[in-house]
PDB file of N, CA and C in Angstrom:
ATOM      1  N   MET A   1      -5.777  12.471  -1.193  1.00  0.00           N
ATOM      2  CA  MET A   1      -5.103  13.669  -1.028  1.00  0.00           C
ATOM      3  C   MET A   1      -3.712  13.445  -0.384  1.00  0.00           C
ATOM      4  N   TYR A   2      -2.320  13.132  -0.659  1.00  0.00           N
ATOM      5  CA  TYR A   2      -1.287  13.109  -0.113  1.00  0.00           C
ATOM      6  C   TYR A   2      -0.363  13.726  -0.265  1.00  0.00           C
ATOM      7  N   LYS A   3       0.957  13.683   1.149  1.00  0.00           N
ATOM      8  CA  LYS A   3       2.068  14.443   0.922  1.00  0.00           C
ATOM      9  C   LYS A   3       3.467  13.370   1.247  1.00  0.00           C
ATOM     10  N   TYR A   4       4.388  13.812   0.833  1.00  0.00           N
ATOM     11  CA  TYR A   4       5.813  12.645   0.724  1.00  0.00           C
ATOM     12  C   TYR A   4       7.050  13.541   1.199  1.00  0.00           C
ATOM     13  N   VAL A   5       7.330  13.379   2.016  1.00  0.00           N
ATOM     14  CA  VAL A   5       8.807  13.025   2.523  1.00  0.00           C
ATOM     15  C   VAL A   5       9.633  12.355   2.251  1.00  0.00           C
ATOM     16  N   PRO A   6      10.482  11.862   1.594  1.00  0.00           N
ATOM     17  CA  PRO A   6      11.331  10.330   1.482  1.00  0.00           C
ATOM     18  C   PRO A   6      12.595  10.337   2.054  1.00  0.00           C
ATOM     19  N   TYR A   7      12.897   9.412   2.997  1.00  0.00           N
ATOM     20  CA  TYR A   7      13.923   9.054   3.126  1.00  0.00           C
ATOM     21  C   TYR A   7      15.290   8.939   2.099  1.00  0.00           C
ATOM     22  N   ASN A   8      16.017   9.727   1.588  1.00  0.00           N
ATOM     23  CA  ASN A   8      17.249   9.353   0.330  1.00  0.00           C
ATOM     24  C   ASN A   8      15.809   9.366  -0.624  1.00  0.00           C
ATOM     25  N   ASN A   9      16.270   7.850  -1.438  1.00  0.00           N
ATOM     26  CA  ASN A   9      16.009   8.066  -2.509  1.00  0.00           C
ATOM     27  C   ASN A   9      14.512   6.878  -2.644  1.00  0.00           C
ATOM     28  N   ASP A  10      13.560   6.684  -1.365  1.00  0.00           N
ATOM     29  CA  ASP A  10      12.809   6.528  -1.775  1.00  0.00           C
ATOM     30  C   ASP A  10      11.665   6.930  -1.997  1.00  0.00           C
ATOM     31  N   SER A  11      10.803   5.633  -2.093  1.00  0.00           N
ATOM     32  CA  SER A  11       9.025   6.126  -2.944  1.00  0.00           C
ATOM     33  C   SER A  11       8.196   5.175  -2.153  1.00  0.00           C
ATOM     34  N   PHE A  12       7.114   6.110  -2.036  1.00  0.00           N
ATOM     35  CA  PHE A  12       5.726   5.190  -1.599  1.00  0.00           C
ATOM     36  C   PHE A  12       4.724   4.366  -2.347  1.00  0.00           C
ATOM     37  N   LYS A  13       4.173   3.587  -1.839  1.00  0.00           N
ATOM     38  CA  LYS A  13       3.488   2.366  -2.455  1.00  0.00           C
ATOM     39  C   LYS A  13       2.046   2.453  -1.873  1.00  0.00           C
ATOM     40  N   VAL A  14       1.005   2.793  -2.896  1.00  0.00           N
ATOM     41  CA  VAL A  14      -0.615   2.485  -2.457  1.00  0.00           C
ATOM     42  C   VAL A  14      -0.954   1.127  -3.537  1.00  0.00           C
ATOM     43  N   TRP A  15      -1.688   0.273  -2.531  1.00  0.00           N
ATOM     44  CA  TRP A  15      -2.338  -0.876  -3.300  1.00  0.00           C
ATOM     45  C   TRP A  15      -3.881  -0.816  -2.793  1.00  0.00           C
ATOM     46  N   ALA A  16      -4.549  -1.361  -3.667  1.00  0.00           N
ATOM     47  CA  ALA A  16      -5.859  -1.654  -3.014  1.00  0.00           C
ATOM     48  C   ALA A  16      -6.137  -3.542  -3.601  1.00  0.00           C
ATOM     49  N   ILE A  17      -6.734  -4.555  -3.006  1.00  0.00           N
ATOM     50  CA  ILE A  17      -7.288  -5.450  -3.655  1.00  0.00           C
ATOM     51  C   ILE A  17      -8.815  -5.749  -3.087  1.00  0.00           C
ATOM     52  N   VAL A  18      -9.453  -5.741  -4.363  1.00  0.00           N
ATOM     53  CA  VAL A  18     -10.493  -6.308  -4.216  1.00  0.00           C
ATOM     54  C   VAL A  18     -11.088  -8.013  -3.951  1.00  0.00           C
ATOM     55  N   GLU A  19     -11.882  -8.107  -3.476  1.00  0.00           N
ATOM     56  CA  GLU A  19     -11.910  -9.345  -2.434  1.00  0.00           C
ATOM     57  C   GLU A  19     -13.542 -10.013  -2.481  1.00  0.00           C
ATOM     58  N   ASN A  20     -13.768 -11.103  -2.943  1.00  0.00           N
ATOM     59  CA  ASN A  20     -15.040 -11.898  -2.739  1.00  0.00           C
ATOM     60  C   ASN A  20     -14.748 -12.919  -1.779  1.00  0.00           C
ATOM     61  N   ARG A  21     -15.310 -12.903  -0.124  1.00  0.00           N
ATOM     62  CA  ARG A  21     -15.133 -13.447   0.830  1.00  0.00           C
ATOM     63  C   ARG A  21     -16.311 -14.221   1.249  1.00  0.00           C
ATOM     64  N   ASP A  22     -16.065 -15.543   0.993  1.00  0.00           N
ATOM     65  CA  ASP A  22     -17.181 -16.868   1.214  1.00  0.00           C
ATOM     66  C   ASP A  22     -17.229 -17.917   2.515  1.00  0.00           C
ATOM     67  N   GLY A  23     -17.459 -18.013   3.535  1.00  0.00           N
ATOM     68  CA  GLY A  23     -16.329 -18.535   5.132  1.00  0.00           C
ATOM     69  C   GLY A  23     -15.479 -18.544   4.861  1.00  0.00           C
ATOM     70  N   SER A  24     -14.612 -19.301   4.610  1.00  0.00           N
ATOM     71  CA  SER A  24     -12.769 -18.775   4.419  1.00  0.00           C
ATOM     72  C   SER A  24     -12.388 -19.393   3.393  1.00  0.00           C
ATOM     73  N   THR A  25     -13.305 -18.946   2.002  1.00  0.00           N
ATOM     74  CA  THR A  25     -12.618 -18.900   0.341  1.00  0.00           C
ATOM     75  C   THR A  25     -12.831 -17.482   0.392  1.00  0.00           C
ATOM     76  N   VAL A  26     -11.406 -17.049   0.336  1.00  0.00           N
ATOM     77  CA  VAL A  26     -11.344 -15.745  -0.685  1.00  0.00           C
ATOM     78  C   VAL A  26     -10.511 -15.536  -1.992  1.00  0.00           C
ATOM     79  N   THR A  27     -11.018 -14.723  -2.586  1.00  0.00           N
ATOM     80  CA  THR A  27     -11.078 -15.037  -4.266  1.00  0.00           C
ATOM     81  C   THR A  27     -10.705 -13.669  -4.554  1.00  0.00           C
ATOM     82  N   GLN A  28      -9.627 -13.381  -4.678  1.00  0.00           N
ATOM     83  CA  GLN A  28      -8.988 -12.068  -5.166  1.00  0.00           C
ATOM     84  C   GLN A  28      -9.908 -11.411  -6.738  1.00  0.00           C
ATOM     85  N   LEU A  29     -10.756 -10.313  -6.876  1.00  0.00           N
ATOM     86  CA  LEU A  29     -10.870  -9.930  -8.071  1.00  0.00           C
ATOM     87  C   LEU A  29     -10.633  -9.166  -8.951  1.00  0.00           C
ATOM     88  N   GLY A  30      -9.697  -8.524  -8.031  1.00  0.00           N
ATOM     89  CA  GLY A  30      -9.014  -7.353  -8.910  1.00  0.00           C
ATOM     90  C   GLY A  30      -7.833  -6.444  -7.954  1.00  0.00           C
ATOM     91  N   ALA A  31      -7.346  -5.715  -8.329  1.00  0.00           N
ATOM     92  CA  ALA A  31      -6.341  -5.250  -7.724  1.00  0.00           C
ATOM     93  C   ALA A  31      -5.461  -4.077  -8.598  1.00  0.00           C
ATOM     94  N   GLY A  32      -4.904  -3.090  -7.788  1.00  0.00           N
ATOM     95  CA  GLY A  32      -4.230  -1.670  -8.312  1.00  0.00           C
ATOM     96  C   GLY A  32      -3.025  -1.310  -7.399  1.00  0.00           C
ATOM     97  N   GLU A  33      -2.085  -0.613  -8.375  1.00  0.00           N
ATOM     98  CA  GLU A  33      -0.954  -0.047  -6.889  1.00  0.00           C
ATOM     99  C   GLU A  33      -0.425   0.872  -7.669  1.00  0.00           C
ATOM    100  N   LEU A  34       0.183   1.749  -7.101  1.00  0.00           N
ATOM    101  CA  LEU A  34       0.643   2.945  -7.544  1.00  0.00           C
ATOM    102  C   LEU A  34       1.682   3.008  -6.419  1.00  0.00           C
ATOM    103  N   VAL A  35       3.288   3.573  -7.407  1.00  0.00           N
ATOM    104  CA  VAL A  35       4.407   3.836  -6.347  1.00  0.00           C
ATOM    105  C   VAL A  35       5.045   4.710  -7.290  1.00  0.00           C
ATOM    106  N   LYS A  36       5.665   5.797  -6.136  1.00  0.00           N
ATOM    107  CA  LYS A  36       5.677   6.806  -6.284  1.00  0.00           C
ATOM    108  C   LYS A  36       6.440   7.749  -5.525  1.00  0.00           C
ATOM    109  N   GLY A  37       7.593   8.299  -5.988  1.00  0.00           N
ATOM    110  CA  GLY A  37       8.648   8.815  -5.438  1.00  0.00           C
ATOM    111  C   GLY A  37       8.401  10.805  -5.568  1.00  0.00           C
ATOM    112  N   GLY A  38       9.536  11.016  -4.676  1.00  0.00           N
ATOM    113  CA  GLY A  38       9.712  12.647  -4.655  1.00  0.00           C
ATOM    114  C   GLY A  38       9.130  13.540  -3.555  1.00  0.00           C
ATOM    115  N   SER A  39       9.488  14.083  -3.286  1.00  0.00           N
ATOM    116  CA  SER A  39       9.331  15.164  -2.341  1.00  0.00           C
ATOM    117  C   SER A  39       8.117  16.185  -2.601  1.00  0.00           C
ATOM    118  N   ILE A  40       6.824  16.013  -2.010  1.00  0.00           N
ATOM    119  CA  ILE A  40       5.812  16.898  -1.799  1.00  0.00           C
ATOM    120  C   ILE A  40       5.312  17.383  -0.925  1.00  0.00           C
ATOM    121  N   SER A  41       5.508  18.400  -0.329  1.00  0.00           N
ATOM    122  CA  SER A  41       4.949  19.225   0.639  1.00  0.00           C
ATOM    123  C   SER A  41       3.283  19.845   0.427  1.00  0.00           C
ATOM    124  N   GLU A  42       3.286  20.106  -0.532  1.00  0.00           N
ATOM    125  CA  GLU A  42       1.306  20.394  -0.251  1.00  0.00           C
ATOM    126  C   GLU A  42       0.343  19.316  -1.172  1.00  0.00           C
ATOM    127  N   TRP A  43      -0.306  19.732  -0.300  1.00  0.00           N
ATOM    128  CA  TRP A  43      -1.582  18.300  -0.518  1.00  0.00           C
ATOM    129  C   TRP A  43      -1.508  18.185  -2.337  1.00  0.00           C
ATOM    130  N   GLU A  44      -1.472  17.439  -2.574  1.00  0.00           N
ATOM    131  CA  GLU A  44      -1.772  16.631  -4.030  1.00  0.00           C
ATOM    132  C   GLU A  44      -2.795  15.427  -4.294  1.00  0.00           C
ATOM    133  N   GLU A  45      -3.761  15.357  -5.050  1.00  0.00           N
ATOM    134  CA  GLU A  45      -4.634  14.651  -5.336  1.00  0.00           C
ATOM    135  C   GLU A  45      -3.589  13.316  -6.023  1.00  0.00           C
ATOM    136  N   LEU A  46      -4.259  12.116  -5.569  1.00  0.00           N
ATOM    137  CA  LEU A  46      -3.425  10.858  -5.588  1.00  0.00           C
ATOM    138  C   LEU A  46      -4.834   9.909  -6.514  1.00  0.00           C
ATOM    139  N   SER A  47      -4.451   9.072  -7.439  1.00  0.00           N
ATOM    140  CA  SER A  47      -5.469   8.626  -7.686  1.00  0.00           C
ATOM    141  C   SER A  47      -5.055   7.062  -8.462  1.00  0.00           C
ATOM    142  N   PHE A  48      -5.443   5.765  -8.410  1.00  0.00           N
ATOM    143  CA  PHE A  48      -5.019   4.998  -9.359  1.00  0.00           C
ATOM    144  C   PHE A  48      -5.893   4.031  -9.296  1.00  0.00           C
ATOM    145  N   ASP A  49      -5.738   2.970 -10.584  1.00  0.00           N
ATOM    146  CA  ASP A  49      -7.147   2.365 -11.156  1.00  0.00           C
ATOM    147  C   ASP A  49      -6.793   1.009 -10.271  1.00  0.00           C
ATOM    148  N   ILE A  50      -8.094   0.044 -10.759  1.00  0.00           N
ATOM    149  CA  ILE A  50      -8.249  -0.935 -10.031  1.00  0.00           C
ATOM    150  C   ILE A  50      -8.389  -2.070 -11.473  1.00  0.00           C
ATOM    151  N   THR A  51      -7.430  -2.777 -11.483  1.00  0.00           N
ATOM    152  CA  THR A  51      -7.887  -3.650 -12.858  1.00  0.00           C
ATOM    153  C   THR A  51      -8.289  -5.300 -12.655  1.00  0.00           C
ATOM    154  N   TYR A  52      -9.431  -5.118 -12.935  1.00  0.00           N
ATOM    155  CA  TYR A  52     -10.295  -6.706 -12.098  1.00  0.00           C
ATOM    156  C   TYR A  52     -10.070  -7.858 -13.323  1.00  0.00           C
ATOM    157  N   ILE A  53      -9.809  -8.722 -12.466  1.00  0.00           N
ATOM    158  CA  ILE A  53      -9.791 -10.125 -13.388  1.00  0.00           C
ATOM    159  C   ILE A  53     -10.856 -11.384 -13.667  1.00  0.00           C
ATOM    160  N   ASN A  54     -11.485 -10.964 -12.888  1.00  0.00           N
ATOM    161  CA  ASN A  54     -12.504 -11.708 -12.058  1.00  0.00           C
ATOM    162  C   ASN A  54     -14.012 -11.284 -11.685  1.00  0.00           C
ATOM    163  N   PHE A  55     -14.815 -11.670 -12.990  1.00  0.00           N
ATOM    164  CA  PHE A  55     -16.245 -11.138 -12.906  1.00  0.00           C
ATOM    165  C   PHE A  55     -17.309 -11.799 -12.502  1.00  0.00           C
ATOM    166  N   THR A  56     -16.814 -12.656 -12.185  1.00  0.00           N
ATOM    167  CA  THR A  56     -18.067 -14.041 -12.113  1.00  0.00           C
ATOM    168  C   THR A  56     -18.771 -13.946 -10.307  1.00  0.00           C
ATOM    169  N   LYS A  57     -17.859 -13.188  -9.733  1.00  0.00           N
ATOM    170  CA  LYS A  57     -18.592 -12.915  -8.120  1.00  0.00           C
ATOM    171  C   LYS A  57     -18.673 -11.455  -7.353  1.00  0.00           C
ATOM    172  N   LYS A  58     -19.270 -11.214  -7.051  1.00  0.00           N
ATOM    173  CA  LYS A  58     -19.307 -10.024  -6.209  1.00  0.00           C
ATOM    174  C   LYS A  58     -18.418  -9.038  -4.976  1.00  0.00           C
ATOM    175  N   ALA A  59     -17.972  -8.273  -5.795  1.00  0.00           N
ATOM    176  CA  ALA A  59     -17.276  -7.834  -4.757  1.00  0.00           C
ATOM    177  C   ALA A  59     -17.908  -7.723  -3.102  1.00  0.00           C
ATOM    178  N   ALA A  60     -16.788  -7.872  -2.133  1.00  0.00           N
ATOM    179  CA  ALA A  60     -17.240  -7.746  -0.827  1.00  0.00           C
ATOM    180  C   ALA A  60     -16.304  -7.085   0.361  1.00  0.00           C
ATOM    181  N   HIS A  61     -14.893  -7.033  -0.360  1.00  0.00           N
ATOM    182  CA  HIS A  61     -14.296  -6.545   0.768  1.00  0.00           C
ATOM    183  C   HIS A  61     -13.100  -5.354  -0.234  1.00  0.00           C
ATOM    184  N   ILE A  62     -12.746  -5.088   0.398  1.00  0.00           N
ATOM    185  CA  ILE A  62     -11.888  -4.276  -0.400  1.00  0.00           C
ATOM    186  C   ILE A  62     -10.316  -3.563   0.848  1.00  0.00           C
ATOM    187  N   ARG A  63      -9.274  -4.120   0.611  1.00  0.00           N
ATOM    188  CA  ARG A  63      -8.012  -3.835   1.235  1.00  0.00           C
ATOM    189  C   ARG A  63      -7.190  -2.755   0.795  1.00  0.00           C
ATOM    190  N   LEU A  64      -7.432  -1.912   1.337  1.00  0.00           N
ATOM    191  CA  LEU A  64      -6.541  -0.354   0.635  1.00  0.00           C
ATOM    192  C   LEU A  64      -5.401  -0.236   1.487  1.00  0.00           C
ATOM    193  N   VAL A  65      -4.130  -0.591   1.072  1.00  0.00           N
ATOM    194  CA  VAL A  65      -2.511  -0.028   2.094  1.00  0.00           C
ATOM    195  C   VAL A  65      -1.815   0.874   1.324  1.00  0.00           C
ATOM    196  N   PHE A  66      -1.390   1.720   2.257  1.00  0.00           N
ATOM    197  CA  PHE A  66      -0.648   3.001   2.363  1.00  0.00           C
ATOM    198  C   PHE A  66       0.824   2.454   2.810  1.00  0.00           C
ATOM    199  N   SER A  67       1.401   3.216   1.905  1.00  0.00           N
ATOM    200  CA  SER A  67       2.872   2.111   2.804  1.00  0.00           C
ATOM    201  C   SER A  67       3.986   3.021   2.624  1.00  0.00           C
ATOM    202  N   SER A  68       4.743   3.903   3.560  1.00  0.00           N
ATOM    203  CA  SER A  68       5.734   5.179   3.150  1.00  0.00           C
ATOM    204  C   SER A  68       7.047   4.615   2.488  1.00  0.00           C
ATOM    205  N   SER A  69       7.230   3.396   2.669  1.00  0.00           N
ATOM    206  CA  SER A  69       8.452   3.022   1.878  1.00  0.00           C
ATOM    207  C   SER A  69       7.962   2.003   0.373  1.00  0.00           C
ATOM    208  N   SER A  70       8.495   1.906  -1.244  1.00  0.00           N
ATOM    209  CA  SER A  70       8.021   1.059  -1.596  1.00  0.00           C
ATOM    210  C   SER A  70       8.326  -0.326  -1.447  1.00  0.00           C
ATOM    211  N   GLY A  71       9.378  -0.816  -0.480  1.00  0.00           N
ATOM    212  CA  GLY A  71       9.772  -1.752  -0.047  1.00  0.00           C
ATOM    213  C   GLY A  71       8.577  -3.158  -0.136  1.00  0.00           C
ATOM    214  N   CYS A  72       7.759  -2.472   0.657  1.00  0.00           N
ATOM    215  CA  CYS A  72       6.712  -2.892   1.102  1.00  0.00           C
ATOM    216  C   CYS A  72       5.941  -3.685   0.517  1.00  0.00           C
ATOM    217  N   SER A  73       5.379  -4.559   0.693  1.00  0.00           N
ATOM    218  CA  SER A  73       4.092  -5.597  -0.527  1.00  0.00           C
ATOM    219  C   SER A  73       2.991  -6.305   0.816  1.00  0.00           C
ATOM    220  N   ASP A  74       2.243  -6.642  -0.110  1.00  0.00           N
ATOM    221  CA  ASP A  74       0.751  -7.290   0.255  1.00  0.00           C
ATOM    222  C   ASP A  74       1.619  -8.776   0.535  1.00  0.00           C
ATOM    223  N   LYS A  75       2.739  -9.020   0.025  1.00  0.00           N
ATOM    224  CA  LYS A  75       3.314 -10.691  -0.138  1.00  0.00           C
ATOM    225  C   LYS A  75       4.913 -10.417   0.238  1.00  0.00           C
ATOM    226  N   GLU A  76       4.595 -11.054   1.459  1.00  0.00           N
ATOM    227  CA  GLU A  76       5.827 -10.457   2.623  1.00  0.00           C
ATOM    228  C   GLU A  76       7.198 -11.361   1.250  1.00  0.00           C
ATOM    229  N   SER A  77       6.876 -12.570   0.633  1.00  0.00           N
ATOM    230  CA  SER A  77       8.106 -12.914  -0.437  1.00  0.00           C
ATOM    231  C   SER A  77       8.411 -11.859  -1.408  1.00  0.00           C
ATOM    232  N   GLU A  78       7.813 -10.986  -1.569  1.00  0.00           N
ATOM    233  CA  GLU A  78       8.232  -9.498  -2.500  1.00  0.00           C
ATOM    234  C   GLU A  78       8.942  -8.526  -1.595  1.00  0.00           C
ATOM    235  N   GLU A  79       8.969  -8.540  -0.375  1.00  0.00           N
ATOM    236  CA  GLU A  79       9.256  -7.724   0.387  1.00  0.00           C
ATOM    237  C   GLU A  79      10.771  -7.422   0.239  1.00  0.00           C
ATOM    238  N   LYS A  80      11.354  -5.983   0.190  1.00  0.00           N
ATOM    239  CA  LYS A  80      12.727  -5.966  -0.037  1.00  0.00           C
ATOM    240  C   LYS A  80      13.465  -6.738   1.003  1.00  0.00           C
ATOM    241  N   SER A  81      14.784  -7.278   0.955  1.00  0.00           N
ATOM    242  CA  SER A  81      15.620  -7.823   1.770  1.00  0.00           C
ATOM    243  C   SER A  81      15.719  -6.595   3.005  1.00  0.00           C
ATOM    244  N   ASN A  82      15.843  -5.616   2.403  1.00  0.00           N
ATOM    245  CA  ASN A  82      16.503  -4.064   3.040  1.00  0.00           C
ATOM    246  C   ASN A  82      15.384  -4.371   4.815  1.00  0.00           C
ATOM    247  N   LEU A  83      14.268  -4.429   4.398  1.00  0.00           N
ATOM    248  CA  LEU A  83      13.138  -4.320   5.003  1.00  0.00           C
ATOM    249  C   LEU A  83      12.792  -5.325   6.197  1.00  0.00           C
ATOM    250  N   LYS A  84      13.141  -6.764   5.451  1.00  0.00           N
ATOM    251  CA  LYS A  84      13.093  -8.041   6.348  1.00  0.00           C
ATOM    252  C   LYS A  84      14.417  -8.437   7.581  1.00  0.00           C
ATOM    253  N   ASP A  85      15.765  -7.337   6.863  1.00  0.00           N
ATOM    254  CA  ASP A  85      16.884  -7.134   7.676  1.00  0.00           C
ATOM    255  C   ASP A  85      16.721  -6.544   8.912  1.00  0.00           C
ATOM    256  N   MET A  86      15.238  -5.298   8.595  1.00  0.00           N
ATOM    257  CA  MET A  86      15.401  -4.233   9.692  1.00  0.00           C
ATOM    258  C   MET A  86      14.443  -5.176  10.756  1.00  0.00           C
ATOM    259  N   VAL A  87      13.417  -5.689   9.966  1.00  0.00           N
ATOM    260  CA  VAL A  87      12.756  -6.631  11.411  1.00  0.00           C
ATOM    261  C   VAL A  87      13.677  -7.407  11.700  1.00  0.00           C
ATOM    262  N   LYS A  88      14.253  -8.152  11.327  1.00  0.00           N
ATOM    263  CA  LYS A  88      15.242  -9.230  11.705  1.00  0.00           C
ATOM    264  C   LYS A  88      16.129  -8.611  13.064  1.00  0.00           C
ATOM    265  N   ASN A  89      16.558  -7.577  12.451  1.00  0.00           N
ATOM    266  CA  ASN A  89      17.966  -7.255  13.479  1.00  0.00           C
ATOM    267  C   ASN A  89      16.905  -6.279  14.480  1.00  0.00           C
ATOM    268  N   GLY A  90      15.502  -6.393  14.542  1.00  0.00           N
ATOM    269  CA  GLY A  90      14.718  -5.812  15.549  1.00  0.00           C
ATOM    270  C   GLY A  90      14.529  -4.615  15.732  1.00  0.00           C
ATOM    271  N   GLU A  91      14.895  -3.961  14.606  1.00  0.00           N
ATOM    272  CA  GLU A  91      14.829  -1.734  14.401  1.00  0.00           C
ATOM    273  C   GLU A  91      13.327  -1.996  13.970  1.00  0.00           C
ATOM    274  N   VAL A  92      12.652  -2.737  13.701  1.00  0.00           N
ATOM    275  CA  VAL A  92      11.057  -2.668  13.364  1.00  0.00           C
ATOM    276  C   VAL A  92      10.631  -3.849  14.020  1.00  0.00           C
ATOM    277  N   ASP A  93      10.086  -3.799  15.536  1.00  0.00           N
ATOM    278  CA  ASP A  93       9.364  -4.908  16.016  1.00  0.00           C
ATOM    279  C   ASP A  93       8.535  -4.446  17.132  1.00  0.00           C
ATOM    280  N   GLY A  94       7.708  -3.324  16.666  1.00  0.00           N
ATOM    281  CA  GLY A  94       6.237  -2.940  17.317  1.00  0.00           C
ATOM    282  C   GLY A  94       6.572  -2.199  18.504  1.00  0.00           C
ATOM    283  N   TYR A  95       7.945  -2.394  18.672  1.00  0.00           N
ATOM    284  CA  TYR A  95       8.385  -1.578  19.904  1.00  0.00           C
ATOM    285  C   TYR A  95       8.813   0.181  19.767  1.00  0.00           C
ATOM    286  N   THR A  96      10.204  -0.156  18.946  1.00  0.00           N
ATOM    287  CA  THR A  96      10.686   0.667  18.225  1.00  0.00           C
ATOM    288  C   THR A  96      10.271   0.570  17.022  1.00  0.00           C
ATOM    289  N   HIS A  97      10.805   1.841  16.041  1.00  0.00           N
ATOM    290  CA  HIS A  97      10.358   2.068  14.590  1.00  0.00           C
ATOM    291  C   HIS A  97      11.820   2.390  13.836  1.00  0.00           C
ATOM    292  N   TYR A  98      11.653   2.437  12.762  1.00  0.00           N
ATOM    293  CA  TYR A  98      12.423   3.265  11.925  1.00  0.00           C
ATOM    294  C   TYR A  98      12.386   4.533  11.351  1.00  0.00           C
ATOM    295  N   GLU A  99      12.847   4.826  11.532  1.00  0.00           N
ATOM    296  CA  GLU A  99      12.790   6.714  11.276  1.00  0.00           C
ATOM    297  C   GLU A  99      13.187   7.014   9.702  1.00  0.00           C
ATOM    298  N   GLY A 100      12.032   7.321   8.802  1.00  0.00           N
ATOM    299  CA  GLY A 100      12.486   7.537   7.473  1.00  0.00           C
ATOM    300  C   GLY A 100      11.790   7.595   6.799  1.00  0.00           C
ATOM    301  N   SER A 101      11.332   7.525   5.701  1.00  0.00           N
ATOM    302  CA  SER A 101      10.373   8.235   4.766  1.00  0.00           C
ATOM    303  C   SER A 101       8.668   8.479   5.560  1.00  0.00           C
ATOM    304  N   ASN A 102       8.320  10.176   5.590  1.00  0.00           N
ATOM    305  CA  ASN A 102       6.825   9.769   5.857  1.00  0.00           C
ATOM    306  C   ASN A 102       5.665   9.951   4.723  1.00  0.00           C
ATOM    307  N   LEU A 103       4.366   9.689   4.931  1.00  0.00           N
ATOM    308  CA  LEU A 103       3.710  10.149   3.639  1.00  0.00           C
ATOM    309  C   LEU A 103       2.293   9.786   4.561  1.00  0.00           C
ATOM    310  N   TYR A 104       1.453  11.267   3.915  1.00  0.00           N
ATOM    311  CA  TYR A 104       0.474  11.931   4.806  1.00  0.00           C
ATOM    312  C   TYR A 104      -0.447  11.341   4.115  1.00  0.00           C
ATOM    313  N   ILE A 105      -1.876  11.322   4.204  1.00  0.00           N
ATOM    314  CA  ILE A 105      -2.730  10.873   3.955  1.00  0.00           C
ATOM    315  C   ILE A 105      -3.917  11.263   4.237  1.00  0.00           C
ATOM    316  N   ASP A 106      -4.958  12.125   3.540  1.00  0.00           N
ATOM    317  CA  ASP A 106      -6.014  12.966   3.872  1.00  0.00           C
ATOM    318  C   ASP A 106      -7.047  12.658   3.476  1.00  0.00           C
ATOM    319  N   ASN A 107      -8.408  12.647   3.282  1.00  0.00           N
ATOM    320  CA  ASN A 107      -9.462  13.082   2.215  1.00  0.00           C
ATOM    321  C   ASN A 107      -9.722  11.931   0.985  1.00  0.00           C
ATOM    322  N   ILE A 108      -9.858  10.499   1.887  1.00  0.00           N
ATOM    323  CA  ILE A 108      -9.836   9.220   0.906  1.00  0.00           C
ATOM    324  C   ILE A 108     -11.042   8.678   0.264  1.00  0.00           C
ATOM    325  N   THR A 109     -11.471   8.606  -0.458  1.00  0.00           N
ATOM    326  CA  THR A 109     -12.415   8.362  -1.181  1.00  0.00           C
ATOM    327  C   THR A 109     -12.178   6.942  -2.343  1.00  0.00           C
ATOM    328  N   LEU A 110     -13.494   6.535  -2.143  1.00  0.00           N
ATOM    329  CA  LEU A 110     -13.390   5.279  -2.931  1.00  0.00           C
ATOM    330  C   LEU A 110     -14.477   5.479  -4.004  1.00  0.00           C
ATOM    331  N   ILE A 111     -14.272   5.359  -4.978  1.00  0.00           N
ATOM    332  CA  ILE A 111     -15.322   5.753  -6.704  1.00  0.00           C
ATOM    333  C   ILE A 111     -15.333   4.477  -7.327  1.00  0.00           C
ATOM    334  N   TYR A 112     -16.730   3.436  -7.343  1.00  0.00           N
ATOM    335  CA  TYR A 112     -17.321   2.747  -7.501  1.00  0.00           C
ATOM    336  C   TYR A 112     -18.406   2.518  -7.985  1.00  0.00           C
ATOM    337  N   GLU A 113     -18.972   1.636  -8.879  1.00  0.00           N
ATOM    338  CA  GLU A 113     -20.250   1.633  -9.199  1.00  0.00           C
ATOM    339  C   GLU A 113     -20.762   0.109  -8.866  1.00  0.00           C
TER     340      GLU A 113
END
């Protein structure tokens, strides 16, 4: 379930990565992502699929990430330059924060076999 209050025309982003970990070797088995915008003031259900690319190993971990801005990414090279500039300029440094979009998440369920 989610609610979303975007800043300007922002969108939120949710992604998941399924992994197998064997010691220091991490193999990505699948991933899924959803980007959605628009203001949602009442709780709505949200779901997205994970596409598997590797069926030879057993899933051991899942990383699930919720970001109130779609400019964020699991890969820093894909982050939008305006987010990087905010960090560089000290607006996002762990002590202060950027006031912007707000994403509210509740009642997370993982459905798998």
